[in-house]
C-alpha atoms as a PDB file:
ATOM      1  CA  UNK A   1      10.253 -12.800 -45.745  1.00  0.00           C
ATOM      2  CA  UNK A   2      13.637 -12.296 -47.266  1.00  0.00           C
ATOM      3  CA  UNK A   3      15.881 -10.218 -45.211  1.00  0.00           C
ATOM      4  CA  UNK A   4      15.251  -6.454 -45.108  1.00  0.00           C
ATOM      5  CA  UNK A   5      18.631  -3.891 -45.236  1.00  0.00           C
ATOM      6  CA  UNK A   6      18.532  -0.697 -44.263  1.00  0.00           C
ATOM      7  CA  UNK A   7      20.934   2.330 -43.918  1.00  0.00           C
ATOM      8  CA  UNK A   8      24.341   1.909 -45.247  1.00  0.00           C
ATOM      9  CA  UNK A   9      24.260   4.830 -47.980  1.00  0.00           C
ATOM     10  CA  UNK A  10      26.157   7.575 -45.445  1.00  0.00           C
ATOM     11  CA  UNK A  11      22.709   9.971 -46.454  1.00  0.00           C
ATOM     12  CA  UNK A  12      24.268   9.925 -50.323  1.00  0.00           C
ATOM     13  CA  UNK A  13      22.001   8.556 -52.742  1.00  0.00           C
ATOM     14  CA  UNK A  14      23.874   7.352 -55.863  1.00  0.00           C
ATOM     15  CA  UNK A  15      25.344  10.150 -58.417  1.00  0.00           C
ATOM     16  CA  UNK A  16      25.424   8.992 -62.265  1.00  0.00           C
ATOM     17  CA  UNK A  17      29.110   8.329 -62.369  1.00  0.00           C
ATOM     18  CA  UNK A  18      29.464   6.032 -59.154  1.00  0.00           C
ATOM     19  CA  UNK A  19      28.993   2.884 -60.207  1.00  0.00           C
ATOM     20  CA  UNK A  20      31.031   3.494 -63.318  1.00  0.00           C
ATOM     21  CA  UNK A  21      34.386   4.976 -61.074  1.00  0.00           C
ATOM     22  CA  UNK A  22      33.160   2.180 -58.501  1.00  0.00           C
ATOM     23  CA  UNK A  23      33.844  -0.268 -60.722  1.00  0.00           C
ATOM     24  CA  UNK A  24      36.708   0.714 -62.650  1.00  0.00           C
ATOM     25  CA  UNK A  25      38.624   0.870 -59.301  1.00  0.00           C
ATOM     26  CA  UNK A  26      37.623  -2.064 -58.325  1.00  0.00           C
ATOM     27  CA  UNK A  27      39.137  -3.515 -61.915  1.00  0.00           C
ATOM     28  CA  UNK A  28      42.141  -2.076 -61.798  1.00  0.00           C
ATOM     29  CA  UNK A  29      43.235  -2.133 -57.958  1.00  0.00           C
ATOM     30  CA  UNK A  30      41.818  -4.936 -56.923  1.00  0.00           C
ATOM     31  CA  UNK A  31      38.898  -6.089 -54.745  1.00  0.00           C
ATOM     32  CA  UNK A  32      40.663  -4.733 -52.128  1.00  0.00           C
ATOM     33  CA  UNK A  33      40.486  -1.501 -52.527  1.00  0.00           C
ATOM     34  CA  UNK A  34      38.266  -0.478 -49.858  1.00  0.00           C
ATOM     35  CA  UNK A  35      39.826  -1.636 -47.183  1.00  0.00           C
ATOM     36  CA  UNK A  36      42.869   0.774 -48.294  1.00  0.00           C
ATOM     37  CA  UNK A  37      40.381   3.724 -47.125  1.00  0.00           C
ATOM     38  CA  UNK A  38      43.322   6.630 -48.549  1.00  0.00           C
ATOM     39  CA  UNK A  39      43.750   4.247 -51.961  1.00  0.00           C
ATOM     40  CA  UNK A  40      40.440   4.664 -52.448  1.00  0.00           C
ATOM     41  CA  UNK A  41      39.706   8.053 -51.657  1.00  0.00           C
ATOM     42  CA  UNK A  42      42.265   9.240 -53.757  1.00  0.00           C
ATOM     43  CA  UNK A  43      41.243   6.917 -56.756  1.00  0.00           C
ATOM     44  CA  UNK A  44      37.455   7.625 -56.587  1.00  0.00           C
ATOM     45  CA  UNK A  45      38.099  11.344 -55.942  1.00  0.00           C
ATOM     46  CA  UNK A  46      35.323  11.679 -53.464  1.00  0.00           C
ATOM     47  CA  UNK A  47      36.043  11.815 -49.336  1.00  0.00           C
ATOM     48  CA  UNK A  48      35.369   8.626 -46.776  1.00  0.00           C
ATOM     49  CA  UNK A  49      31.844   8.761 -46.556  1.00  0.00           C
ATOM     50  CA  UNK A  50      31.231   8.556 -50.040  1.00  0.00           C
ATOM     51  CA  UNK A  51      33.376   5.620 -50.581  1.00  0.00           C
ATOM     52  CA  UNK A  52      31.204   3.741 -48.414  1.00  0.00           C
ATOM     53  CA  UNK A  53      28.457   5.341 -50.194  1.00  0.00           C
ATOM     54  CA  UNK A  54      29.893   3.839 -53.382  1.00  0.00           C
ATOM     55  CA  UNK A  55      30.649   0.668 -51.837  1.00  0.00           C
ATOM     56  CA  UNK A  56      26.352   0.399 -50.591  1.00  0.00           C
ATOM     57  CA  UNK A  57      25.358   1.074 -53.630  1.00  0.00           C
ATOM     58  CA  UNK A  58      27.545  -1.231 -56.205  1.00  0.00           C
ATOM     59  CA  UNK A  59      26.074  -4.041 -53.683  1.00  0.00           C
ATOM     60  CA  UNK A  60      22.817  -2.391 -53.650  1.00  0.00           C
ATOM     61  CA  UNK A  61      22.150  -2.411 -57.652  1.00  0.00           C
ATOM     62  CA  UNK A  62      23.374  -5.881 -57.508  1.00  0.00           C
ATOM     63  CA  UNK A  63      27.103  -5.316 -59.628  1.00  0.00           C
ATOM     64  CA  UNK A  64      29.430  -7.127 -56.877  1.00  0.00           C
ATOM     65  CA  UNK A  65      28.919  -9.239 -54.747  1.00  0.00           C
ATOM     66  CA  UNK A  66      29.973  -9.594 -50.990  1.00  0.00           C
ATOM     67  CA  UNK A  67      33.704 -10.324 -51.951  1.00  0.00           C
ATOM     68  CA  UNK A  68      33.830  -6.972 -53.926  1.00  0.00           C
ATOM     69  CA  UNK A  69      34.266  -9.351 -56.659  1.00  0.00           C
ATOM     70  CA  UNK A  70      32.581  -7.847 -59.783  1.00  0.00           C
ATOM     71  CA  UNK A  71      29.719  -9.327 -61.170  1.00  0.00           C
ATOM     72  CA  UNK A  72      29.335 -10.095 -64.733  1.00  0.00           C
ATOM     73  CA  UNK A  73      26.588  -7.710 -65.779  1.00  0.00           C
ATOM     74  CA  UNK A  74      29.144  -4.911 -64.241  1.00  0.00           C
ATOM     75  CA  UNK A  75      31.504  -6.070 -66.559  1.00  0.00           C
ATOM     76  CA  UNK A  76      29.532  -5.923 -69.881  1.00  0.00           C
ATOM     77  CA  UNK A  77      28.225  -2.433 -68.729  1.00  0.00           C
ATOM     78  CA  UNK A  78      31.087  -0.847 -67.370  1.00  0.00           C
ATOM     79  CA  UNK A  79      34.281  -2.312 -68.527  1.00  0.00           C
ATOM     80  CA  UNK A  80      36.122  -1.769 -72.108  1.00  0.00           C
ATOM     81  CA  UNK A  81      35.620  -5.635 -73.181  1.00  0.00           C
ATOM     82  CA  UNK A  82      32.076  -4.310 -73.770  1.00  0.00           C
ATOM     83  CA  UNK A  83      31.531  -0.864 -72.115  1.00  0.00           C
ATOM     84  CA  UNK A  84      27.690  -1.115 -73.113  1.00  0.00           C
ATOM     85  CA  UNK A  85      27.565   2.036 -71.535  1.00  0.00           C
ATOM     86  CA  UNK A  86      29.488   3.134 -68.919  1.00  0.00           C
ATOM     87  CA  UNK A  87      28.381   6.349 -68.159  1.00  0.00           C
ATOM     88  CA  UNK A  88      24.295   5.044 -68.181  1.00  0.00           C
ATOM     89  CA  UNK A  89      23.616   7.320 -70.847  1.00  0.00           C
ATOM     90  CA  UNK A  90      20.935   5.037 -72.858  1.00  0.00           C
ATOM     91  CA  UNK A  91      17.444   5.301 -71.346  1.00  0.00           C
ATOM     92  CA  UNK A  92      17.489   1.203 -71.196  1.00  0.00           C
ATOM     93  CA  UNK A  93      20.385   0.621 -68.918  1.00  0.00           C
ATOM     94  CA  UNK A  94      18.731   2.573 -66.337  1.00  0.00           C
ATOM     95  CA  UNK A  95      15.412   0.149 -66.707  1.00  0.00           C
ATOM     96  CA  UNK A  96      17.689  -2.773 -66.064  1.00  0.00           C
ATOM     97  CA  UNK A  97      19.471  -0.852 -62.835  1.00  0.00           C
ATOM     98  CA  UNK A  98      15.701   0.096 -61.657  1.00  0.00           C
ATOM     99  CA  UNK A  99      14.767  -3.845 -61.743  1.00  0.00           C
ATOM    100  CA  UNK A 100      18.552  -4.568 -59.979  1.00  0.00           C
ATOM    101  CA  UNK A 101      17.942  -2.206 -57.447  1.00  0.00           C
ATOM    102  CA  UNK A 102      14.370  -3.687 -56.475  1.00  0.00           C
ATOM    103  CA  UNK A 103      15.275  -6.956 -57.308  1.00  0.00           C
ATOM    104  CA  UNK A 104      18.508  -7.491 -54.866  1.00  0.00           C
ATOM    105  CA  UNK A 105      16.671  -5.865 -51.931  1.00  0.00           C
ATOM    106  CA  UNK A 106      19.978  -4.933 -50.560  1.00  0.00           C
ATOM    107  CA  UNK A 107      18.976  -1.115 -50.072  1.00  0.00           C
ATOM    108  CA  UNK A 108      15.227  -2.847 -48.854  1.00  0.00           C
ATOM    109  CA  UNK A 109      13.446   0.309 -49.107  1.00  0.00           C
ATOM    110  CA  UNK A 110      13.374   0.481 -53.030  1.00  0.00           C
ATOM    111  CA  UNK A 111      11.407  -3.146 -53.389  1.00  0.00           C
ATOM    112  CA  UNK A 112       9.292  -2.499 -50.250  1.00  0.00           C
ATOM    113  CA  UNK A 113       8.287   1.226 -51.738  1.00  0.00           C
ATOM    114  CA  UNK A 114       7.273   0.281 -55.268  1.00  0.00           C
ATOM    115  CA  UNK A 115       6.401  -3.546 -54.554  1.00  0.00           C
ATOM    116  CA  UNK A 116       4.623  -3.634 -51.893  1.00  0.00           C
ATOM    117  CA  UNK A 117       3.816  -0.425 -50.171  1.00  0.00           C
ATOM    118  CA  UNK A 118       1.618   0.467 -52.934  1.00  0.00           C
ATOM    119  CA  UNK A 119      -0.170  -2.999 -54.031  1.00  0.00           C
ATOM    120  CA  UNK A 120      -3.071  -2.688 -54.973  1.00  0.00           C
ATOM    121  CA  UNK A 121      -3.866   1.013 -53.370  1.00  0.00           C
ATOM    122  CA  UNK A 122      -5.829   3.165 -55.852  1.00  0.00           C
ATOM    123  CA  UNK A 123      -4.090   6.549 -54.405  1.00  0.00           C
ATOM    124  CA  UNK A 124      -0.578   6.907 -55.692  1.00  0.00           C
ATOM    125  CA  UNK A 125       0.202   9.955 -53.321  1.00  0.00           C
ATOM    126  CA  UNK A 126       2.979   8.818 -50.408  1.00  0.00           C
ATOM    127  CA  UNK A 127       5.114  10.346 -47.689  1.00  0.00           C
ATOM    128  CA  UNK A 128       7.753  10.040 -45.067  1.00  0.00           C
ATOM    129  CA  UNK A 129       5.005   9.608 -42.846  1.00  0.00           C
ATOM    130  CA  UNK A 130       2.967   6.570 -44.079  1.00  0.00           C
ATOM    131  CA  UNK A 131       6.128   4.957 -45.314  1.00  0.00           C
ATOM    132  CA  UNK A 132       7.868   4.565 -42.146  1.00  0.00           C
ATOM    133  CA  UNK A 133       4.858   3.517 -40.861  1.00  0.00           C
ATOM    134  CA  UNK A 134       4.073   1.377 -43.257  1.00  0.00           C
ATOM    135  CA  UNK A 135       7.950  -0.442 -42.799  1.00  0.00           C
ATOM    136  CA  UNK A 136       7.840  -0.364 -39.098  1.00  0.00           C
ATOM    137  CA  UNK A 137       4.334  -2.210 -39.066  1.00  0.00           C
ATOM    138  CA  UNK A 138       5.843  -4.716 -41.661  1.00  0.00           C
ATOM    139  CA  UNK A 139       8.865  -5.408 -39.132  1.00  0.00           C
ATOM    140  CA  UNK A 140       6.417  -5.987 -36.510  1.00  0.00           C
ATOM    141  CA  UNK A 141       4.371  -8.413 -37.690  1.00  0.00           C
ATOM    142  CA  UNK A 142       6.897 -10.250 -39.236  1.00  0.00           C
ATOM    143  CA  UNK A 143       8.719 -10.241 -35.742  1.00  0.00           C
ATOM    144  CA  UNK A 144      11.818  -8.281 -36.719  1.00  0.00           C
ATOM    145  CA  UNK A 145      14.421  -6.493 -34.697  1.00  0.00           C
ATOM    146  CA  UNK A 146      13.018  -3.105 -34.970  1.00  0.00           C
ATOM    147  CA  UNK A 147      14.507  -0.197 -37.128  1.00  0.00           C
ATOM    148  CA  UNK A 148      14.446   3.352 -36.067  1.00  0.00           C
ATOM    149  CA  UNK A 149      12.635   5.760 -37.297  1.00  0.00           C
ATOM    150  CA  UNK A 150      15.761   8.094 -37.632  1.00  0.00           C
ATOM    151  CA  UNK A 151      17.638   5.171 -40.329  1.00  0.00           C
ATOM    152  CA  UNK A 152      14.051   4.568 -41.898  1.00  0.00           C
ATOM    153  CA  UNK A 153      13.260   8.600 -41.836  1.00  0.00           C
ATOM    154  CA  UNK A 154      17.361   8.991 -43.584  1.00  0.00           C
ATOM    155  CA  UNK A 155      16.221   5.738 -45.819  1.00  0.00           C
ATOM    156  CA  UNK A 156      13.141   7.545 -47.159  1.00  0.00           C
ATOM    157  CA  UNK A 157      15.022  10.687 -47.750  1.00  0.00           C
ATOM    158  CA  UNK A 158      17.926   9.095 -50.364  1.00  0.00           C
ATOM    159  CA  UNK A 159      15.363   7.168 -51.948  1.00  0.00           C
ATOM    160  CA  UNK A 160      13.318  10.078 -53.025  1.00  0.00           C
ATOM    161  CA  UNK A 161      16.336  11.930 -54.294  1.00  0.00           C
ATOM    162  CA  UNK A 162      16.931   9.204 -56.182  1.00  0.00           C
ATOM    163  CA  UNK A 163      13.683  10.022 -58.400  1.00  0.00           C
ATOM    164  CA  UNK A 164      12.078  13.317 -57.740  1.00  0.00           C
ATOM    165  CA  UNK A 165      13.322  16.939 -57.877  1.00  0.00           C
ATOM    166  CA  UNK A 166      12.575  18.778 -55.601  1.00  0.00           C
ATOM    167  CA  UNK A 167       9.713  21.645 -56.343  1.00  0.00           C
ATOM    168  CA  UNK A 168      12.206  23.861 -54.256  1.00  0.00           C
ATOM    169  CA  UNK A 169      15.656  23.682 -53.373  1.00  0.00           C
ATOM    170  CA  UNK A 170      18.572  26.255 -52.286  1.00  0.00           C
ATOM    171  CA  UNK A 171      20.873  22.589 -52.760  1.00  0.00           C
ATOM    172  CA  UNK A 172      23.491  22.869 -55.109  1.00  0.00           C
ATOM    173  CA  UNK A 173      22.344  21.837 -58.679  1.00  0.00           C
ATOM    174  CA  UNK A 174      24.223  18.891 -58.671  1.00  0.00           C
ATOM    175  CA  UNK A 175      22.453  17.384 -55.383  1.00  0.00           C
ATOM    176  CA  UNK A 176      19.296  18.067 -56.789  1.00  0.00           C
ATOM    177  CA  UNK A 177      19.907  16.717 -60.895  1.00  0.00           C
ATOM    178  CA  UNK A 178      22.588  14.035 -60.480  1.00  0.00           C
ATOM    179  CA  UNK A 179      20.930  10.948 -60.030  1.00  0.00           C
ATOM    180  CA  UNK A 180      20.517   8.635 -62.921  1.00  0.00           C
ATOM    181  CA  UNK A 181      17.097   7.511 -62.259  1.00  0.00           C
ATOM    182  CA  UNK A 182      15.419  11.112 -62.267  1.00  0.00           C
ATOM    183  CA  UNK A 183      15.150  10.620 -66.624  1.00  0.00           C
ATOM    184  CA  UNK A 184      12.589   7.403 -65.746  1.00  0.00           C
ATOM    185  CA  UNK A 185      10.297   9.724 -63.954  1.00  0.00           C
ATOM    186  CA  UNK A 186       9.269   7.106 -61.792  1.00  0.00           C
ATOM    187  CA  UNK A 187       8.298  10.182 -58.832  1.00  0.00           C
ATOM    188  CA  UNK A 188       7.191  13.323 -58.825  1.00  0.00           C
ATOM    189  CA  UNK A 189       7.252  15.713 -55.676  1.00  0.00           C
ATOM    190  CA  UNK A 190       4.137  17.480 -55.498  1.00  0.00           C
ATOM    191  CA  UNK A 191       3.752  21.301 -54.382  1.00  0.00           C
ATOM    192  CA  UNK A 192       1.946  20.927 -51.407  1.00  0.00           C
ATOM    193  CA  UNK A 193       2.129  19.161 -48.082  1.00  0.00           C
ATOM    194  CA  UNK A 194      -0.645  16.836 -46.233  1.00  0.00           C
ATOM    195  CA  UNK A 195      -2.103  17.453 -42.826  1.00  0.00           C
ATOM    196  CA  UNK A 196       0.247  16.338 -41.186  1.00  0.00           C
ATOM    197  CA  UNK A 197       2.933  19.060 -42.436  1.00  0.00           C
ATOM    198  CA  UNK A 198       4.868  16.056 -44.206  1.00  0.00           C
ATOM    199  CA  UNK A 199       6.230  16.651 -48.238  1.00  0.00           C
ATOM    200  CA  UNK A 200       3.410  14.481 -50.520  1.00  0.00           C
ATOM    201  CA  UNK A 201       5.430  12.622 -53.462  1.00  0.00           C
ATOM    202  CA  UNK A 202       3.411  10.104 -56.036  1.00  0.00           C
ATOM    203  CA  UNK A 203       4.488   7.478 -57.725  1.00  0.00           C
ATOM    204  CA  UNK A 204       3.981   7.983 -61.819  1.00  0.00           C
ATOM    205  CA  UNK A 205       2.033   5.035 -62.816  1.00  0.00           C
ATOM    206  CA  UNK A 206       0.995   4.966 -66.380  1.00  0.00           C
ATOM    207  CA  UNK A 207       0.749   2.944 -69.628  1.00  0.00           C
ATOM    208  CA  UNK A 208       2.774   5.121 -72.233  1.00  0.00           C
ATOM    209  CA  UNK A 209       6.588   4.562 -70.211  1.00  0.00           C
ATOM    210  CA  UNK A 210       8.956   3.074 -73.633  1.00  0.00           C
ATOM    211  CA  UNK A 211      10.585   0.422 -71.974  1.00  0.00           C
ATOM    212  CA  UNK A 212      12.719  -1.873 -74.387  1.00  0.00           C
ATOM    213  CA  UNK A 213      11.551  -5.417 -75.298  1.00  0.00           C
ATOM    214  CA  UNK A 214      15.035  -6.593 -75.010  1.00  0.00           C
ATOM    215  CA  UNK A 215      15.638  -5.023 -71.651  1.00  0.00           C
ATOM    216  CA  UNK A 216      11.976  -5.881 -70.311  1.00  0.00           C
ATOM    217  CA  UNK A 217      12.873  -9.575 -71.448  1.00  0.00           C
ATOM    218  CA  UNK A 218      16.339  -9.902 -70.164  1.00  0.00           C
ATOM    219  CA  UNK A 219      15.201  -8.395 -66.429  1.00  0.00           C
ATOM    220  CA  UNK A 220      12.045 -10.942 -66.766  1.00  0.00           C
ATOM    221  CA  UNK A 221      14.195 -13.885 -67.252  1.00  0.00           C
ATOM    222  CA  UNK A 222      16.830 -12.622 -64.883  1.00  0.00           C
ATOM    223  CA  UNK A 223      13.535 -12.849 -62.137  1.00  0.00           C
ATOM    224  CA  UNK A 224      12.269 -15.987 -63.416  1.00  0.00           C
ATOM    225  CA  UNK A 225      15.639 -17.867 -62.920  1.00  0.00           C
ATOM    226  CA  UNK A 226      15.389 -21.730 -63.703  1.00  0.00           C
ATOM    227  CA  UNK A 227      11.618 -21.905 -64.062  1.00  0.00           C
ATOM    228  CA  UNK A 228      10.228 -21.760 -67.712  1.00  0.00           C
ATOM    229  CA  UNK A 229       6.304 -20.128 -66.442  1.00  0.00           C
ATOM    230  CA  UNK A 230       5.495 -17.634 -64.391  1.00  0.00           C
ATOM    231  CA  UNK A 231       2.030 -16.221 -63.344  1.00  0.00           C
ATOM    232  CA  UNK A 232       0.847 -12.726 -65.043  1.00  0.00           C
ATOM    233  CA  UNK A 233       0.181 -11.544 -62.157  1.00  0.00           C
ATOM    234  CA  UNK A 234       3.216 -12.238 -60.016  1.00  0.00           C
ATOM    235  CA  UNK A 235       5.321 -10.308 -63.210  1.00  0.00           C
ATOM    236  CA  UNK A 236       2.667  -7.502 -62.277  1.00  0.00           C
ATOM    237  CA  UNK A 237       3.739  -7.489 -58.640  1.00  0.00           C
ATOM    238  CA  UNK A 238       7.157  -7.328 -59.366  1.00  0.00           C
ATOM    239  CA  UNK A 239       8.925  -6.578 -62.026  1.00  0.00           C
ATOM    240  CA  UNK A 240       5.856  -4.464 -63.131  1.00  0.00           C
ATOM    241  CA  UNK A 241       5.554  -2.495 -59.929  1.00  0.00           C
ATOM    242  CA  UNK A 242       9.354  -1.757 -59.946  1.00  0.00           C
ATOM    243  CA  UNK A 243       8.722  -0.151 -63.444  1.00  0.00           C
ATOM    244  CA  UNK A 244       5.619   1.522 -62.265  1.00  0.00           C
ATOM    245  CA  UNK A 245       3.237   0.084 -64.762  1.00  0.00           C
ATOM    246  CA  UNK A 246      -0.236   0.409 -65.330  1.00  0.00           C
ATOM    247  CA  UNK A 247      -2.179  -2.526 -65.985  1.00  0.00           C
ATOM    248  CA  UNK A 248      -2.759  -1.461 -69.538  1.00  0.00           C
ATOM    249  CA  UNK A 249       1.035  -0.496 -70.011  1.00  0.00           C
ATOM    250  CA  UNK A 250       2.079  -4.219 -68.565  1.00  0.00           C
ATOM    251  CA  UNK A 251      -0.408  -5.992 -70.559  1.00  0.00           C
ATOM    252  CA  UNK A 252       0.834  -4.229 -73.838  1.00  0.00           C
ATOM    253  CA  UNK A 253       4.380  -4.952 -73.109  1.00  0.00           C
ATOM    254  CA  UNK A 254       3.928  -8.143 -72.531  1.00  0.00           C
ATOM    255  CA  UNK A 255       2.116  -8.543 -75.674  1.00  0.00           C
ATOM    256  CA  UNK A 256       4.159  -6.613 -77.501  1.00  0.00           C
ATOM    257  CA  UNK A 257       7.262  -9.325 -75.936  1.00  0.00           C
ATOM    258  CA  UNK A 258       5.225 -12.446 -76.695  1.00  0.00           C
ATOM    259  CA  UNK A 259       4.594 -10.937 -80.721  1.00  0.00           C
ATOM    260  CA  UNK A 260       8.597  -9.896 -80.987  1.00  0.00           C
ATOM    261  CA  UNK A 261      10.243 -13.086 -79.005  1.00  0.00           C
ATOM    262  CA  UNK A 262       8.817 -16.320 -79.731  1.00  0.00           C
ATOM    263  CA  UNK A 263       9.990 -17.681 -77.006  1.00  0.00           C
ATOM    264  CA  UNK A 264       7.530 -16.264 -74.855  1.00  0.00           C
ATOM    265  CA  UNK A 265       4.029 -17.647 -74.798  1.00  0.00           C
ATOM    266  CA  UNK A 266       0.782 -15.852 -73.298  1.00  0.00           C
ATOM    267  CA  UNK A 267      -0.854 -18.514 -72.157  1.00  0.00           C
ATOM    268  CA  UNK A 268      -4.823 -17.954 -70.706  1.00  0.00           C
ATOM    269  CA  UNK A 269      -6.470 -21.342 -69.011  1.00  0.00           C
ATOM    270  CA  UNK A 270      -9.670 -20.810 -67.579  1.00  0.00           C
ATOM    271  CA  UNK A 271      -8.810 -17.760 -66.556  1.00  0.00           C
ATOM    272  CA  UNK A 272      -5.522 -18.405 -65.575  1.00  0.00           C
ATOM    273  CA  UNK A 273      -2.715 -15.894 -67.412  1.00  0.00           C
ATOM    274  CA  UNK A 274       0.683 -17.296 -67.353  1.00  0.00           C
ATOM    275  CA  UNK A 275       4.046 -16.454 -69.649  1.00  0.00           C
ATOM    276  CA  UNK A 276       5.713 -19.738 -70.879  1.00  0.00           C
ATOM    277  CA  UNK A 277       9.196 -19.368 -71.873  1.00  0.00           C
ATOM    278  CA  UNK A 278      10.870 -22.223 -74.614  1.00  0.00           C
ATOM    279  CA  UNK A 279      14.096 -23.248 -76.033  1.00  0.00           C
ATOM    280  CA  UNK A 280      15.457 -20.630 -74.279  1.00  0.00           C
ATOM    281  CA  UNK A 281      19.450 -21.558 -74.816  1.00  0.00           C
ATOM    282  CA  UNK A 282      22.584 -20.766 -72.009  1.00  0.00           C
ATOM    283  CA  UNK A 283      23.231 -17.383 -74.173  1.00  0.00           C
ATOM    284  CA  UNK A 284      20.104 -16.259 -74.789  1.00  0.00           C
ATOM    285  CA  UNK A 285      20.203 -13.432 -72.037  1.00  0.00           C
ATOM    286  CA  UNK A 286      23.387 -12.163 -72.964  1.00  0.00           C
ATOM    287  CA  UNK A 287      22.846 -11.882 -76.672  1.00  0.00           C
ATOM    288  CA  UNK A 288      19.876  -9.967 -75.804  1.00  0.00           C
ATOM    289  CA  UNK A 289      22.117  -7.380 -74.309  1.00  0.00           C
ATOM    290  CA  UNK A 290      24.131  -7.883 -77.025  1.00  0.00           C
ATOM    291  CA  UNK A 291      21.462  -6.980 -79.398  1.00  0.00           C
ATOM    292  CA  UNK A 292      19.952  -4.073 -77.520  1.00  0.00           C
ATOM    293  CA  UNK A 293      23.431  -2.124 -77.343  1.00  0.00           C
ATOM    294  CA  UNK A 294      24.315  -3.511 -81.248  1.00  0.00           C
ATOM    295  CA  UNK A 295      27.664  -5.121 -79.394  1.00  0.00           C
END
C-alpha cells in the first residue's frame, strides 16, 4: 500500500488562483520563500494559515517537490515561458489537475474516494460517516497508524467543498464557488440527509463527459511511466475512476483515443483487454500538451 497522508490543508480547499500565485511566488522569490512567513504572507496576500494551505495544495497537485522546487508541468501551465493556462480557464487543465491530485496521493482522500471507495459499487451516493468508516477500516486492515475521526472529518469536508456546491449555505459566494473543480461536476450535494442525519452526496458517473483526448493521452502516459502496455481494467480502476467515467464512457474515450492517435493500440486477446503504446518519442507527452494549448 502506498503511504497515506491526511490533513495539512488547514481546513481550506484549494481556491481558484492559489496554484498560480504559489508557483509564481516561488519562481520570483526562490524555493525558500515559504520558510519566511512574513514574505510569503505579503507576496501571496493571504493569512498565515492560508499560506500553509497553499503549500499543501502545491504538493498535493504534484506541482512542486518536497524541496519546493517547481516541477516541469507547473512551468508549462503557469510560468511565462509557456503559460498554457495560468488562470485555470481551460477545462482540459482541470481534468489534468484532477488526475494529478488523485495520482500524486499526497492528499489521500481524493484517490481513496474516487478510486477505492466506489470500486464495484452500484450505489453512487455517499456520506461523511461512510467514507470515514471506510478509511478507518482500511487503515486498521493494513495495520497503519490510526488517524483520528476529527482529522478524517476535516479532510472529508475539504474534499466535498472542492467539488460540490452546497444546496443551502450562509457562507460567502467566494467560499462556495471559488474552487476550480466545481466546473467538472464530478460530485453533487443532494437535498436530503440519510437515516443517520448525514448530508448525502453523489458521484456523477456518466458517459457524456467531454475529456480532451490529448489530455487523456497525457495522463495515461504519465500513469504508465516506462511501461508500453496496460490493461483496460487498470485504466478503469485508476484514471477512469478519477474522472468518474462510466464503463461506456471509458470505452468510448479509449476507442476515440486509438482512432485519433495511432500510437495507442487496443488489443483484445482471449478476453484480455489491453492498450499498447508504440513508437513514443521522449518529447511525445510534451507535444501533446503543446498541441492542445496551441503553443
